[in-house]
Amino acid sequence: MNFRGTLPLIMENSSVVLPRTRVLGHLAIFTVVLIWAITYISTKILLDAFTPMQILLVRTFLGFLFLFLCNPRKIVYTQKTDRLLLAGSGLCGIFLYYYLENTALVYSSASNVGVIVATAPFFILLAVHFILKEEKLRAQYFIGFALSMLGIALISYSGQSELALNPLGDFLAVLAIVVWALYTTLTRIVSRRGYPTLLATRTMFFYALLGMVAANILLDDFPKFTTIVQPPYVYHFLFLGLIASALCFVFWNFGLKSIGAIKSSFYLYLSPVITIVFSVIVLGEVITPTSAIGAALTLGGLLVSEYKRDRNINTETKQKKVL
């Protein structure tokens, strides 16, 4: 999220990678995950003066402008339906996902949202399984999913006197990752059509921006330029738009090609931990014992699910080599 949308569009490079390039690849991925984790903090600060829709509009415009300057060429569609795929991807992954995530931060803490969003792999696997008819749902998946959902429930409860799943904020965070799973499925289809990654991503930004402009017109919710350029708001907008969205795309692309998608995915587990640490330091959020246990269960569920899948992948790879 953070612009995680580039991940499904990038294919692993099977060529030989030099050790120095691998080191730089690990550094690039770690840098991206660190930046993505901090985006929740910046968004939370901007929410003091802007609505979720206003933040999203400015951030997406800056990201689109940067990507357009990097590659201003017009995209040529190989099939008419591809325009709908790219438009749907942009509206789901950049517009709806970020809007739901930003709105979730209005009602819930940055640490809560950061941990909940980290469960995205579960929902992505479900979407890929049922829509693309790929990926098997093994027993480990359901065990990990149950652990993570229990963790989310504890995070939402977070020491309140009565058990009530902090309703709106945490629900919107879960809904955001459901939308993200749909987006990932769409971009997986797009990636098979052979479009240049940068050009396809810029096109998604364009359609997402159109949707945001239309929504802002209907809601009459355009941000004031004089407020945007005021410090510290302008610095957070530049961070979210240019660094967290556009520049991270370049780093993530390089990292995936250098060390591969599997190794890169392990770094994503650091994201909620980093978010929690910065939430405490910067925002002064309090991590209760209940929410700490919930975060541990959520991350533990992810590790159980992913570890088993990775072990199965490695076993299958070894068997193919023997054959």
Protein backbone atom coordinates (compact mmCIF):
# COMPACT_ATOMS: atom_id res chain seq x y z
CA MET A 1 0.00 0.00 0.00
CA ASN A 2 2.51 3.15 0.60
CA PHE A 3 2.36 2.16 -3.17
CA ARG A 4 2.40 -1.60 -3.09
CA GLY A 5 0.77 -1.74 -6.54
CA THR A 6 4.00 -2.28 -8.40
CA LEU A 7 4.58 -5.73 -6.91
CA PRO A 8 2.18 -7.75 -9.09
CA LEU A 9 3.46 -6.04 -12.25
CA ILE A 10 7.11 -7.04 -11.91
CA MET A 11 8.50 -10.36 -13.02
CA GLU A 12 11.59 -11.90 -11.48
CA ASN A 13 14.78 -11.64 -13.49
CA SER A 14 16.18 -15.09 -14.09
CA SER A 15 19.60 -13.86 -15.22
CA VAL A 16 22.73 -14.10 -13.07
CA VAL A 17 22.94 -11.34 -10.48
CA LEU A 18 26.28 -10.09 -9.13
CA PRO A 19 26.82 -10.23 -5.32
CA ARG A 20 27.12 -6.44 -5.14
CA THR A 21 23.81 -6.06 -6.97
CA ARG A 22 22.16 -8.48 -4.53
CA VAL A 23 23.39 -6.40 -1.59
CA LEU A 24 22.00 -3.25 -3.21
CA GLY A 25 18.77 -5.13 -3.92
CA HIS A 26 18.34 -6.05 -0.25
CA LEU A 27 19.09 -2.46 0.73
CA ALA A 28 16.57 -1.13 -1.81
CA ILE A 29 13.77 -3.42 -0.56
CA PHE A 30 14.48 -2.62 3.08
CA THR A 31 14.40 1.10 2.26
CA VAL A 32 11.03 0.74 0.53
CA VAL A 33 9.49 -1.21 3.42
CA LEU A 34 10.82 1.35 5.89
CA ILE A 35 9.29 4.21 3.88
CA TRP A 36 5.97 2.41 3.41
CA ALA A 37 5.73 1.78 7.15
CA ILE A 38 6.24 5.47 7.90
CA THR A 39 3.52 6.58 5.46
CA TYR A 40 0.88 5.81 8.10
CA ILE A 41 2.53 8.38 10.36
CA SER A 42 2.59 11.08 7.67
CA THR A 43 -1.04 10.41 6.76
CA LYS A 44 -2.08 10.57 10.41
CA ILE A 45 -0.41 14.00 10.75
CA LEU A 46 -2.03 15.31 7.54
CA LEU A 47 -5.45 14.22 8.80
CA ASP A 48 -5.23 17.08 11.32
CA ALA A 49 -5.81 19.57 8.47
CA PHE A 50 -7.08 17.55 5.49
CA THR A 51 -9.78 15.01 4.73
CA PRO A 52 -8.81 11.50 3.52
CA MET A 53 -9.97 12.41 -0.02
CA GLN A 54 -7.90 15.61 -0.09
CA ILE A 55 -4.76 13.78 1.01
CA LEU A 56 -5.33 11.12 -1.60
CA LEU A 57 -5.87 13.65 -4.40
CA VAL A 58 -2.65 15.59 -3.72
CA ARG A 59 -0.57 12.45 -3.18
CA THR A 60 -1.78 10.78 -6.37
CA PHE A 61 -1.34 13.93 -8.46
CA LEU A 62 2.30 14.25 -7.35
CA GLY A 63 2.94 10.57 -8.01
CA PHE A 64 1.34 10.72 -11.47
CA LEU A 65 3.28 13.87 -12.36
CA PHE A 66 6.57 12.22 -11.43
CA LEU A 67 5.80 9.03 -13.37
CA PHE A 68 4.65 11.06 -16.39
CA LEU A 69 7.93 12.99 -16.43
CA CYS A 70 9.79 9.67 -16.26
CA ASN A 71 7.84 8.23 -19.20
CA PRO A 72 5.51 10.60 -21.13
CA ARG A 73 4.89 8.10 -23.97
CA LYS A 74 1.29 7.18 -24.74
CA ILE A 75 0.31 3.60 -23.98
CA VAL A 76 -0.82 1.49 -26.94
CA TYR A 77 -3.37 -1.14 -25.99
CA THR A 78 -3.05 -4.58 -27.58
CA GLN A 79 -6.66 -5.44 -26.66
CA LYS A 80 -9.64 -3.16 -26.10
CA THR A 81 -10.42 -4.80 -22.76
CA ASP A 82 -6.96 -3.90 -21.45
CA ARG A 83 -8.03 -0.28 -20.95
CA LEU A 84 -10.76 -1.51 -18.60
CA LEU A 85 -8.27 -3.71 -16.75
CA LEU A 86 -5.88 -0.81 -16.18
CA ALA A 87 -8.71 1.55 -15.24
CA GLY A 88 -10.14 -1.00 -12.80
CA SER A 89 -6.70 -1.61 -11.32
CA GLY A 90 -6.15 2.12 -10.77
CA LEU A 91 -9.58 2.67 -9.25
CA CYS A 92 -9.23 -0.32 -6.90
CA GLY A 93 -5.59 -0.21 -5.89
CA ILE A 94 -4.85 3.51 -5.86
CA PHE A 95 -8.22 5.20 -5.36
CA LEU A 96 -10.39 2.89 -3.22
CA TYR A 97 -7.56 1.21 -1.32
CA TYR A 98 -5.89 4.42 -0.23
CA TYR A 99 -9.19 6.14 0.49
CA LEU A 100 -10.29 3.30 2.76
CA GLU A 101 -6.88 3.19 4.42
CA ASN A 102 -6.79 6.96 4.98
CA THR A 103 -10.31 6.92 6.36
CA ALA A 104 -9.44 4.00 8.65
CA LEU A 105 -6.68 6.16 10.14
CA VAL A 106 -9.31 8.75 11.13
CA TYR A 107 -11.01 6.25 13.45
CA SER A 108 -8.15 3.93 14.40
CA SER A 109 -4.50 4.24 15.37
CA ALA A 110 -1.64 4.07 12.86
CA SER A 111 -0.25 0.97 14.59
CA ASN A 112 -3.62 -0.83 14.36
CA VAL A 113 -4.04 -0.08 10.67
CA GLY A 114 -0.42 -1.01 9.94
CA VAL A 115 -0.79 -4.47 11.48
CA ILE A 116 -4.20 -5.16 9.93
CA VAL A 117 -3.05 -4.17 6.44
CA ALA A 118 -0.13 -6.60 6.85
CA THR A 119 -2.63 -9.47 6.54
CA ALA A 120 -3.09 -8.67 2.84
CA PRO A 121 -1.35 -11.92 1.67
CA PHE A 122 -4.25 -13.99 3.03
CA PHE A 123 -6.84 -12.09 1.01
CA ILE A 124 -4.63 -11.99 -2.07
CA LEU A 125 -4.29 -15.77 -1.97
CA LEU A 126 -8.07 -16.13 -1.72
CA ALA A 127 -8.63 -13.81 -4.68
CA VAL A 128 -6.03 -15.56 -6.82
CA HIS A 129 -7.46 -18.96 -5.90
CA PHE A 130 -11.10 -18.19 -6.69
CA ILE A 131 -10.73 -15.68 -9.56
CA LEU A 132 -7.65 -16.92 -11.41
CA LYS A 133 -8.02 -20.54 -10.30
CA GLU A 134 -4.40 -20.55 -9.11
CA GLU A 135 -2.72 -21.32 -5.78
CA LYS A 136 -3.95 -24.14 -3.56
CA LEU A 137 -5.49 -23.39 -0.16
CA ARG A 138 -3.56 -25.64 2.22
CA ALA A 139 -4.32 -26.38 5.86
CA GLN A 140 -1.52 -24.03 6.95
CA TYR A 141 -3.32 -21.16 5.26
CA PHE A 142 -6.42 -21.59 7.42
CA ILE A 143 -4.35 -22.00 10.61
CA GLY A 144 -2.40 -18.83 9.86
CA PHE A 145 -5.56 -16.98 8.87
CA ALA A 146 -7.30 -17.93 12.13
CA LEU A 147 -4.31 -16.75 14.19
CA SER A 148 -4.18 -13.43 12.36
CA MET A 149 -7.92 -12.79 12.66
CA LEU A 150 -7.70 -13.50 16.39
CA GLY A 151 -4.82 -11.03 16.53
CA ILE A 152 -6.87 -8.37 14.74
CA ALA A 153 -9.74 -8.90 17.17
CA LEU A 154 -7.36 -8.37 20.13
CA ILE A 155 -5.88 -5.26 18.49
CA SER A 156 -9.36 -3.84 18.02
CA TYR A 157 -10.33 -4.68 21.61
CA SER A 158 -7.02 -3.21 22.84
CA GLY A 159 -7.86 -3.17 26.52
CA GLN A 160 -11.31 -1.57 26.36
CA SER A 161 -13.62 -2.24 29.27
CA GLU A 162 -16.03 -4.06 26.98
CA LEU A 163 -15.22 -6.30 24.06
CA ALA A 164 -16.16 -4.41 20.91
CA LEU A 165 -14.22 -4.69 17.67
CA ASN A 166 -13.29 -1.05 17.22
CA PRO A 167 -15.75 -1.01 14.68
CA LEU A 168 -15.32 1.53 11.95
CA GLY A 169 -11.57 2.11 11.72
CA ASP A 170 -10.50 -1.53 11.86
CA PHE A 171 -13.36 -2.66 9.61
CA LEU A 172 -12.32 -0.12 6.97
CA ALA A 173 -8.71 -1.36 7.22
CA VAL A 174 -9.89 -4.93 6.57
CA LEU A 175 -12.10 -3.73 3.70
CA ALA A 176 -9.06 -1.91 2.26
CA ILE A 177 -7.05 -5.12 2.00
CA VAL A 178 -10.00 -6.93 0.40
CA VAL A 179 -9.97 -4.23 -2.30
CA TRP A 180 -6.19 -4.60 -2.50
CA ALA A 181 -6.57 -8.32 -3.15
CA LEU A 182 -8.88 -7.56 -6.08
CA TYR A 183 -6.38 -5.01 -7.36
CA THR A 184 -3.54 -7.54 -7.16
CA THR A 185 -5.57 -10.03 -9.18
CA LEU A 186 -6.29 -7.45 -11.88
CA THR A 187 -2.65 -6.37 -12.13
CA ARG A 188 -1.59 -10.00 -12.33
CA ILE A 189 -3.70 -10.26 -15.48
CA VAL A 190 -2.27 -6.97 -16.80
CA SER A 191 1.32 -8.14 -16.23
CA ARG A 192 0.74 -11.04 -18.61
CA ARG A 193 -0.17 -8.67 -21.43
CA GLY A 194 3.43 -7.48 -21.69
CA TYR A 195 3.02 -3.75 -21.00
CA PRO A 196 6.08 -1.84 -19.67
CA THR A 197 5.76 -1.66 -15.89
CA LEU A 198 6.35 2.07 -15.58
CA LEU A 199 3.90 2.88 -18.37
CA ALA A 200 1.19 0.58 -16.98
CA THR A 201 1.59 1.99 -13.47
CA ARG A 202 1.41 5.57 -14.74
CA THR A 203 -1.82 4.70 -16.60
CA MET A 204 -3.30 3.28 -13.39
CA PHE A 205 -2.40 6.50 -11.61
CA PHE A 206 -4.14 8.46 -14.37
CA TYR A 207 -7.47 6.61 -14.03
CA ALA A 208 -7.27 6.74 -10.25
CA LEU A 209 -6.70 10.50 -10.48
CA LEU A 210 -9.75 10.88 -12.73
CA GLY A 211 -11.86 9.03 -10.17
CA MET A 212 -10.56 11.22 -7.35
CA VAL A 213 -11.25 14.44 -9.25
CA ALA A 214 -14.81 13.28 -9.96
CA ALA A 215 -15.31 12.37 -6.30
CA ASN A 216 -13.93 15.71 -5.14
CA ILE A 217 -16.29 17.55 -7.51
CA LEU A 218 -19.28 15.62 -6.15
CA LEU A 219 -18.22 16.14 -2.54
CA ASP A 220 -16.94 19.68 -3.11
CA ASP A 221 -13.88 18.65 -1.12
CA PHE A 222 -10.90 20.16 -2.94
CA PRO A 223 -7.96 21.08 -0.69
CA LYS A 224 -6.77 24.68 -0.47
CA PHE A 225 -3.42 25.30 -2.12
CA THR A 226 -2.43 27.79 0.57
CA THR A 227 -2.84 25.08 3.21
CA ILE A 228 -1.01 22.43 1.17
CA VAL A 229 2.17 24.53 0.86
CA GLN A 230 2.30 25.31 4.58
CA PRO A 231 4.97 23.50 6.58
CA PRO A 232 4.97 20.81 7.80
CA TYR A 233 2.10 19.68 5.53
CA VAL A 234 3.96 20.32 2.28
CA TYR A 235 6.84 18.09 3.42
CA HIS A 236 4.51 15.20 4.20
CA PHE A 237 2.76 15.57 0.84
CA LEU A 238 6.08 15.55 -1.00
CA PHE A 239 7.13 12.51 1.00
CA LEU A 240 3.92 10.62 0.22
CA GLY A 241 3.64 11.64 -3.43
CA LEU A 242 7.23 11.65 -4.69
CA ILE A 243 9.08 9.30 -2.37
CA ALA A 244 6.53 6.82 -1.00
CA SER A 245 4.60 6.47 -4.27
CA ALA A 246 6.87 7.26 -7.23
CA LEU A 247 10.47 6.77 -6.04
CA CYS A 248 9.65 3.61 -4.08
CA PHE A 249 8.38 2.12 -7.31
CA VAL A 250 11.85 2.44 -8.86
CA PHE A 251 13.55 0.96 -5.78
CA TRP A 252 11.06 -1.90 -5.52
CA ASN A 253 11.49 -2.71 -9.19
CA PHE A 254 15.28 -2.88 -8.83
CA GLY A 255 15.06 -4.92 -5.62
CA LEU A 256 12.71 -7.52 -7.08
CA LYS A 257 14.92 -8.04 -10.10
CA SER A 258 17.99 -8.34 -7.87
CA ILE A 259 16.86 -10.70 -5.10
CA GLY A 260 13.50 -12.04 -6.34
CA ALA A 261 9.92 -11.85 -5.12
CA ILE A 262 10.13 -14.51 -2.38
CA LYS A 263 13.05 -12.93 -0.51
CA SER A 264 11.54 -9.49 -0.98
CA SER A 265 8.24 -10.57 0.58
CA PHE A 266 9.93 -11.44 3.87
CA TYR A 267 10.84 -7.78 4.33
CA LEU A 268 7.15 -6.88 4.29
CA TYR A 269 6.76 -8.55 7.69
CA LEU A 270 8.91 -5.77 9.16
CA SER A 271 6.39 -3.11 8.06
CA PRO A 272 3.88 -3.34 10.95
CA VAL A 273 6.72 -3.55 13.50
CA ILE A 274 8.28 -0.37 12.10
CA THR A 275 4.86 1.32 12.05
CA ILE A 276 4.26 0.48 15.71
CA VAL A 277 7.69 1.80 16.75
CA PHE A 278 7.26 5.10 14.89
CA SER A 279 3.66 5.44 16.11
CA VAL A 280 4.91 5.34 19.69
CA ILE A 281 7.87 7.68 19.06
CA VAL A 282 6.26 10.26 16.75
CA LEU A 283 2.54 10.14 17.58
CA GLY A 284 2.82 9.10 21.20
CA GLU A 285 0.44 6.17 20.74
CA VAL A 286 0.24 3.73 23.64
CA ILE A 287 0.72 0.03 22.92
CA THR A 288 -1.29 -1.94 25.48
CA PRO A 289 -0.43 -5.54 26.41
CA THR A 290 -3.59 -6.68 24.61
CA SER A 291 -2.66 -4.93 21.35
CA ALA A 292 0.92 -6.23 21.63
CA ILE A 293 -0.33 -9.81 21.91
CA GLY A 294 -2.70 -9.14 19.00
CA ALA A 295 0.15 -7.84 16.83
CA ALA A 296 2.26 -10.90 17.70
CA LEU A 297 -0.58 -13.27 16.77
CA THR A 298 -1.25 -11.43 13.51
CA LEU A 299 2.39 -11.57 12.43
CA GLY A 300 2.72 -15.14 13.70
CA GLY A 301 -0.21 -16.21 11.55
CA LEU A 302 1.43 -14.66 8.51
CA LEU A 303 4.71 -16.45 9.19
CA VAL A 304 2.98 -19.82 9.71
CA SER A 305 1.13 -19.48 6.42
CA GLU A 306 4.04 -18.18 4.35
CA TYR A 307 6.71 -20.47 5.85
CA LYS A 308 4.79 -23.58 4.96
CA ARG A 309 4.10 -22.33 1.46
CA ASP A 310 7.77 -21.44 0.90
CA ARG A 311 8.87 -24.87 2.13
CA ASN A 312 6.44 -26.53 -0.27
CA ILE A 313 7.75 -24.38 -3.13
CA ASN A 314 11.36 -25.29 -2.32
CA THR A 315 10.49 -29.01 -2.14
CA GLU A 316 8.75 -28.89 -5.51
CA THR A 317 11.73 -27.05 -7.03
CA LYS A 318 14.18 -29.71 -5.78
CA GLN A 319 11.97 -32.48 -7.18
CA LYS A 320 11.94 -30.82 -10.59
CA LYS A 321 15.73 -30.54 -10.56
CA VAL A 322 16.04 -34.26 -9.77
CA LEU A 323 13.69 -35.13 -12.63
